Amino acid sequence: MNTIGVEFSNFICELFDLEFGKDFFYPRVPDVDGPVYWMTFVGSLLNRKLKTHQNIKEYVFVLNYRDIKAQKVDEKIFEIETVLNHLTCSKLEHFDLYEITTSNLGTYEDVDSEGRFKGSVQIVVRIHDDYHI
């Protein structure tokens, strides 16, 4: 069974026409010059209980994009944020998706000091979590 991270990574790759292990990586930071995307898992929490008694579990990821041109990074990060915030009727294969929301964390010079720029988007994936012990 896929974890939510792997399943959401596959969703991102399909949505933005990326290839896992080539120009998109999860959960590790790639050792390539770029342009490249990678996603890290920040954490999760039980967000709320609906009136239907369904639980909503929230998973937080950070999607990063790195390239040598700051403007390109800024444009890609804006595109990712915009596309994900405007999705409707999206589905994950093994998880019952409730909603996806994003926040643009900005573009800045990468700390590696190799003339590259990095931009990040925080992505919150909420799913129905009906698991009972």
C-alpha atoms as a PDB file:
ATOM      1  CA  MET A   1       0.000   0.000   0.000  1.00  0.00           C
ATOM      2  CA  ASN A   2       1.222   3.494  -0.826  1.00  0.00           C
ATOM      3  CA  THR A   3       1.693   6.082   1.869  1.00  0.00           C
ATOM      4  CA  ILE A   4      -0.117   9.400   1.465  1.00  0.00           C
ATOM      5  CA  GLY A   5       3.258  10.950   0.523  1.00  0.00           C
ATOM      6  CA  VAL A   6       3.909   8.512  -2.315  1.00  0.00           C
ATOM      7  CA  GLU A   7       0.332   8.698  -3.537  1.00  0.00           C
ATOM      8  CA  PHE A   8       0.292  12.505  -3.484  1.00  0.00           C
ATOM      9  CA  SER A   9       3.708  12.558  -5.212  1.00  0.00           C
ATOM     10  CA  ASN A  10       2.253  10.454  -8.024  1.00  0.00           C
ATOM     11  CA  PHE A  11      -0.702  12.857  -8.207  1.00  0.00           C
ATOM     12  CA  ILE A  12       1.665  15.872  -8.510  1.00  0.00           C
ATOM     13  CA  CYS A  13       3.755  14.117 -11.179  1.00  0.00           C
ATOM     14  CA  GLU A  14       0.678  13.352 -13.261  1.00  0.00           C
ATOM     15  CA  LEU A  15      -0.795  16.833 -12.808  1.00  0.00           C
ATOM     16  CA  PHE A  16       2.378  18.708 -13.801  1.00  0.00           C
ATOM     17  CA  ASP A  17       3.820  16.135 -16.250  1.00  0.00           C
ATOM     18  CA  LEU A  18       6.851  15.304 -14.078  1.00  0.00           C
ATOM     19  CA  GLU A  19       8.817  12.069 -13.868  1.00  0.00           C
ATOM     20  CA  PHE A  20       9.376  10.573 -10.412  1.00  0.00           C
ATOM     21  CA  GLY A  21      13.117  10.081  -9.867  1.00  0.00           C
ATOM     22  CA  LYS A  22      14.126  12.312 -12.779  1.00  0.00           C
ATOM     23  CA  ASP A  23      12.728  15.814 -12.242  1.00  0.00           C
ATOM     24  CA  PHE A  24      10.600  15.092  -9.131  1.00  0.00           C
ATOM     25  CA  PHE A  25      11.751  13.496  -5.876  1.00  0.00           C
ATOM     26  CA  TYR A  26      10.112  12.412  -2.612  1.00  0.00           C
ATOM     27  CA  PRO A  27      11.076  12.303   0.242  1.00  0.00           C
ATOM     28  CA  ARG A  28      14.692  13.239  -0.414  1.00  0.00           C
ATOM     29  CA  VAL A  29      16.427  16.345  -1.700  1.00  0.00           C
ATOM     30  CA  PRO A  30      17.873  15.532  -5.130  1.00  0.00           C
ATOM     31  CA  ASP A  31      21.554  15.905  -5.924  1.00  0.00           C
ATOM     32  CA  VAL A  32      21.011  17.387  -9.383  1.00  0.00           C
ATOM     33  CA  ASP A  33      21.563  20.907 -10.662  1.00  0.00           C
ATOM     34  CA  GLY A  34      18.024  21.434 -11.840  1.00  0.00           C
ATOM     35  CA  PRO A  35      15.499  22.383 -12.810  1.00  0.00           C
ATOM     36  CA  VAL A  36      14.094  19.979 -10.234  1.00  0.00           C
ATOM     37  CA  TYR A  37      11.159  19.526  -7.854  1.00  0.00           C
ATOM     38  CA  TRP A  38      11.152  17.732  -4.523  1.00  0.00           C
ATOM     39  CA  MET A  39       8.574  17.320  -1.800  1.00  0.00           C
ATOM     40  CA  THR A  40       9.046  16.800   1.925  1.00  0.00           C
ATOM     41  CA  PHE A  41       6.527  15.676   4.525  1.00  0.00           C
ATOM     42  CA  VAL A  42       6.078  18.100   7.425  1.00  0.00           C
ATOM     43  CA  GLY A  43       3.482  16.328   9.575  1.00  0.00           C
ATOM     44  CA  SER A  44      -0.153  15.441  10.084  1.00  0.00           C
ATOM     45  CA  LEU A  45      -2.990  15.933  12.527  1.00  0.00           C
ATOM     46  CA  LEU A  46      -6.612  15.031  12.980  1.00  0.00           C
ATOM     47  CA  ASN A  47      -8.128  18.289  11.765  1.00  0.00           C
ATOM     48  CA  ARG A  48     -11.835  18.022  12.554  1.00  0.00           C
ATOM     49  CA  LYS A  49     -14.847  15.818  12.902  1.00  0.00           C
ATOM     50  CA  LEU A  50     -17.735  16.450  10.507  1.00  0.00           C
ATOM     51  CA  LYS A  51     -21.409  16.341  11.463  1.00  0.00           C
ATOM     52  CA  THR A  52     -21.501  13.008   9.643  1.00  0.00           C
ATOM     53  CA  HIS A  53     -19.010  11.736  12.271  1.00  0.00           C
ATOM     54  CA  GLN A  54     -16.281  11.398   9.656  1.00  0.00           C
ATOM     55  CA  ASN A  55     -12.819  12.516  10.710  1.00  0.00           C
ATOM     56  CA  ILE A  56     -10.732  14.788   8.490  1.00  0.00           C
ATOM     57  CA  LYS A  57      -7.006  14.138   8.692  1.00  0.00           C
ATOM     58  CA  GLU A  58      -4.628  16.814   7.484  1.00  0.00           C
ATOM     59  CA  TYR A  59      -1.196  16.140   5.941  1.00  0.00           C
ATOM     60  CA  VAL A  60       1.241  18.998   5.351  1.00  0.00           C
ATOM     61  CA  PHE A  61       3.893  18.867   2.611  1.00  0.00           C
ATOM     62  CA  VAL A  62       6.352  21.390   1.224  1.00  0.00           C
ATOM     63  CA  LEU A  63       6.929  21.251  -2.532  1.00  0.00           C
ATOM     64  CA  ASN A  64      10.196  22.872  -3.628  1.00  0.00           C
ATOM     65  CA  TYR A  65      11.400  23.901  -7.063  1.00  0.00           C
ATOM     66  CA  ARG A  66      15.004  24.834  -7.881  1.00  0.00           C
ATOM     67  CA  ASP A  67      16.532  26.423 -10.984  1.00  0.00           C
ATOM     68  CA  ILE A  68      19.222  28.946 -11.930  1.00  0.00           C
ATOM     69  CA  LYS A  69      16.746  31.689 -12.928  1.00  0.00           C
ATOM     70  CA  ALA A  70      14.857  33.403 -10.108  1.00  0.00           C
ATOM     71  CA  GLN A  71      12.043  34.565 -12.409  1.00  0.00           C
ATOM     72  CA  LYS A  72      11.419  31.023 -13.666  1.00  0.00           C
ATOM     73  CA  VAL A  73      11.293  29.730 -10.090  1.00  0.00           C
ATOM     74  CA  ASP A  74       8.874  32.482  -9.094  1.00  0.00           C
ATOM     75  CA  GLU A  75       6.626  31.708 -12.090  1.00  0.00           C
ATOM     76  CA  LYS A  76       6.629  27.922 -11.461  1.00  0.00           C
ATOM     77  CA  ILE A  77       5.818  28.336  -7.771  1.00  0.00           C
ATOM     78  CA  PHE A  78       2.978  30.721  -8.606  1.00  0.00           C
ATOM     79  CA  GLU A  79       1.653  28.246 -11.216  1.00  0.00           C
ATOM     80  CA  ILE A  80       1.743  25.328  -8.762  1.00  0.00           C
ATOM     81  CA  GLU A  81      -0.039  27.314  -6.069  1.00  0.00           C
ATOM     82  CA  THR A  82      -2.678  28.568  -8.497  1.00  0.00           C
ATOM     83  CA  VAL A  83      -3.382  25.186 -10.106  1.00  0.00           C
ATOM     84  CA  LEU A  84      -3.624  23.315  -6.790  1.00  0.00           C
ATOM     85  CA  ASN A  85      -5.887  25.932  -5.196  1.00  0.00           C
ATOM     86  CA  HIS A  86      -8.292  25.778  -8.150  1.00  0.00           C
ATOM     87  CA  LEU A  87      -8.630  21.996  -8.438  1.00  0.00           C
ATOM     88  CA  THR A  88     -12.099  20.515  -8.381  1.00  0.00           C
ATOM     89  CA  CYS A  89     -13.187  16.886  -8.372  1.00  0.00           C
ATOM     90  CA  SER A  90      -9.669  15.561  -7.799  1.00  0.00           C
ATOM     91  CA  LYS A  91      -9.109  12.031  -6.584  1.00  0.00           C
ATOM     92  CA  LEU A  92      -6.343   9.998  -5.038  1.00  0.00           C
ATOM     93  CA  GLU A  93      -6.282   6.290  -5.762  1.00  0.00           C
ATOM     94  CA  HIS A  94      -6.212   4.928  -2.201  1.00  0.00           C
ATOM     95  CA  PHE A  95      -7.346   7.896  -0.115  1.00  0.00           C
ATOM     96  CA  ASP A  96     -10.702   9.676   0.028  1.00  0.00           C
ATOM     97  CA  LEU A  97      -9.690  13.272  -0.718  1.00  0.00           C
ATOM     98  CA  TYR A  98     -11.545  16.035   1.107  1.00  0.00           C
ATOM     99  CA  GLU A  99      -9.587  19.080  -0.141  1.00  0.00           C
ATOM    100  CA  ILE A 100      -6.195  20.496  -1.109  1.00  0.00           C
ATOM    101  CA  THR A 101      -5.043  24.001  -0.131  1.00  0.00           C
ATOM    102  CA  THR A 102      -1.722  25.744  -0.682  1.00  0.00           C
ATOM    103  CA  SER A 103       0.350  28.706   0.471  1.00  0.00           C
ATOM    104  CA  ASN A 104       3.136  30.253  -1.588  1.00  0.00           C
ATOM    105  CA  LEU A 105       6.244  30.456   0.626  1.00  0.00           C
ATOM    106  CA  GLY A 106       8.178  32.562  -1.883  1.00  0.00           C
ATOM    107  CA  THR A 107      11.342  32.481  -3.977  1.00  0.00           C
ATOM    108  CA  TYR A 108      14.832  33.029  -2.590  1.00  0.00           C
ATOM    109  CA  GLU A 109      18.461  32.283  -3.293  1.00  0.00           C
ATOM    110  CA  ASP A 110      19.239  28.670  -2.428  1.00  0.00           C
ATOM    111  CA  VAL A 111      21.538  28.240   0.563  1.00  0.00           C
ATOM    112  CA  ASP A 112      23.950  26.101  -1.468  1.00  0.00           C
ATOM    113  CA  SER A 113      25.501  29.337  -2.869  1.00  0.00           C
ATOM    114  CA  GLU A 114      25.850  27.820  -6.334  1.00  0.00           C
ATOM    115  CA  GLY A 115      23.838  30.474  -8.134  1.00  0.00           C
ATOM    116  CA  ARG A 116      20.560  28.618  -7.870  1.00  0.00           C
ATOM    117  CA  PHE A 117      17.192  29.839  -6.663  1.00  0.00           C
ATOM    118  CA  LYS A 118      14.542  27.917  -4.779  1.00  0.00           C
ATOM    119  CA  GLY A 119      10.838  28.436  -4.345  1.00  0.00           C
ATOM    120  CA  SER A 120       8.456  26.583  -2.064  1.00  0.00           C
ATOM    121  CA  VAL A 121       4.750  25.920  -1.746  1.00  0.00           C
ATOM    122  CA  GLN A 122       3.181  24.538   1.411  1.00  0.00           C
ATOM    123  CA  ILE A 123       0.459  22.047   0.504  1.00  0.00           C
ATOM    124  CA  VAL A 124      -2.191  20.816   2.896  1.00  0.00           C
ATOM    125  CA  VAL A 125      -3.940  17.607   1.839  1.00  0.00           C
ATOM    126  CA  ARG A 126      -7.064  16.748   3.822  1.00  0.00           C
ATOM    127  CA  ILE A 127      -8.595  13.292   3.579  1.00  0.00           C
ATOM    128  CA  HIS A 128     -11.540  11.501   5.145  1.00  0.00           C
ATOM    129  CA  ASP A 129     -10.091   9.293   7.861  1.00  0.00           C
ATOM    130  CA  ASP A 130     -12.660   6.724   8.896  1.00  0.00           C
ATOM    131  CA  TYR A 131     -10.294   4.287  10.527  1.00  0.00           C
ATOM    132  CA  HIS A 132     -11.663   2.967  13.812  1.00  0.00           C
ATOM    133  CA  ILE A 133      -9.787   0.868  16.347  1.00  0.00           C
END
